[in-house]
């Protein structure tokens, strides 16, 4: 049986979209999504990074957003 891919995605920069890979624990009732992206560190090294997101607010969101600016 083939699983229908999750339609969720997030735009990390204009023209750069990360699609949900439907990781373990992902389900229709869960509004948690995960995708992989390539990041380049200041020293030029490349690494894979995991990005997790939700469309629902969670405790601490305001604090995280304030520190990210």
Protein backbone atom coordinates (compact mmCIF):
# COMPACT_ATOMS: atom_id res chain seq x y z
CA UNK A 1 0.00 0.00 0.00
CA UNK A 2 1.46 3.34 -1.04
CA UNK A 3 1.22 6.17 1.48
CA UNK A 4 -0.05 9.54 0.30
CA UNK A 5 2.68 12.15 0.86
CA UNK A 6 1.99 14.97 3.30
CA UNK A 7 1.15 18.17 1.39
CA UNK A 8 2.70 20.43 4.04
CA UNK A 9 5.68 22.60 3.20
CA UNK A 10 7.47 25.68 4.51
CA UNK A 11 9.30 28.41 2.57
CA UNK A 12 12.66 29.01 4.24
CA UNK A 13 13.76 31.74 1.81
CA UNK A 14 12.18 33.02 -1.39
CA UNK A 15 12.31 30.18 -3.88
CA UNK A 16 13.50 27.59 -1.32
CA UNK A 17 10.78 25.22 -0.12
CA UNK A 18 11.15 22.34 2.35
CA UNK A 19 8.47 19.66 2.01
CA UNK A 20 7.30 17.45 4.85
CA UNK A 21 8.87 14.00 4.72
CA UNK A 22 6.22 12.49 7.02
CA UNK A 23 8.61 11.29 9.70
CA UNK A 24 7.81 8.78 12.43
CA UNK A 25 4.87 9.83 14.55
CA UNK A 26 3.43 11.97 11.77
CA UNK A 27 -0.28 11.51 11.27
CA UNK A 28 -3.34 13.33 10.02
CA UNK A 29 -4.33 14.29 13.57
CA UNK A 30 -0.84 15.60 14.32
CA UNK A 31 0.08 19.03 13.12
CA UNK A 32 3.81 18.38 13.36
CA UNK A 33 5.87 18.19 10.19
CA UNK A 34 9.53 17.51 9.45
CA UNK A 35 11.72 18.08 6.44
CA UNK A 36 15.42 18.00 5.59
CA UNK A 37 17.48 20.78 4.12
CA UNK A 38 21.11 21.44 3.31
CA UNK A 39 22.81 24.18 5.31
CA UNK A 40 26.20 25.75 4.67
CA UNK A 41 28.13 26.78 7.76
CA UNK A 42 30.22 29.99 7.87
CA UNK A 43 33.39 27.93 7.34
CA UNK A 44 31.96 26.47 4.11
CA UNK A 45 31.10 23.00 5.43
CA UNK A 46 27.77 21.53 4.31
CA UNK A 47 25.45 19.69 6.68
CA UNK A 48 21.99 18.20 6.58
CA UNK A 49 19.57 19.84 8.99
CA UNK A 50 16.17 18.78 10.20
CA UNK A 51 13.43 21.38 10.25
CA UNK A 52 10.32 20.73 12.36
CA UNK A 53 7.23 22.92 12.15
CA UNK A 54 3.59 23.20 13.05
CA UNK A 55 0.82 25.58 12.05
CA UNK A 56 -0.48 25.60 15.63
CA UNK A 57 1.04 27.82 18.29
CA UNK A 58 2.88 26.12 21.11
CA UNK A 59 3.99 27.35 24.53
CA UNK A 60 7.17 29.36 24.16
CA UNK A 61 6.62 30.43 20.53
CA UNK A 62 6.75 34.13 21.37
CA UNK A 63 10.02 33.68 23.27
CA UNK A 64 11.58 31.66 20.43
CA UNK A 65 10.56 34.27 17.86
CA UNK A 66 11.92 37.10 19.99
CA UNK A 67 15.31 35.37 20.35
CA UNK A 68 15.48 34.53 16.63
CA UNK A 69 15.39 38.17 15.54
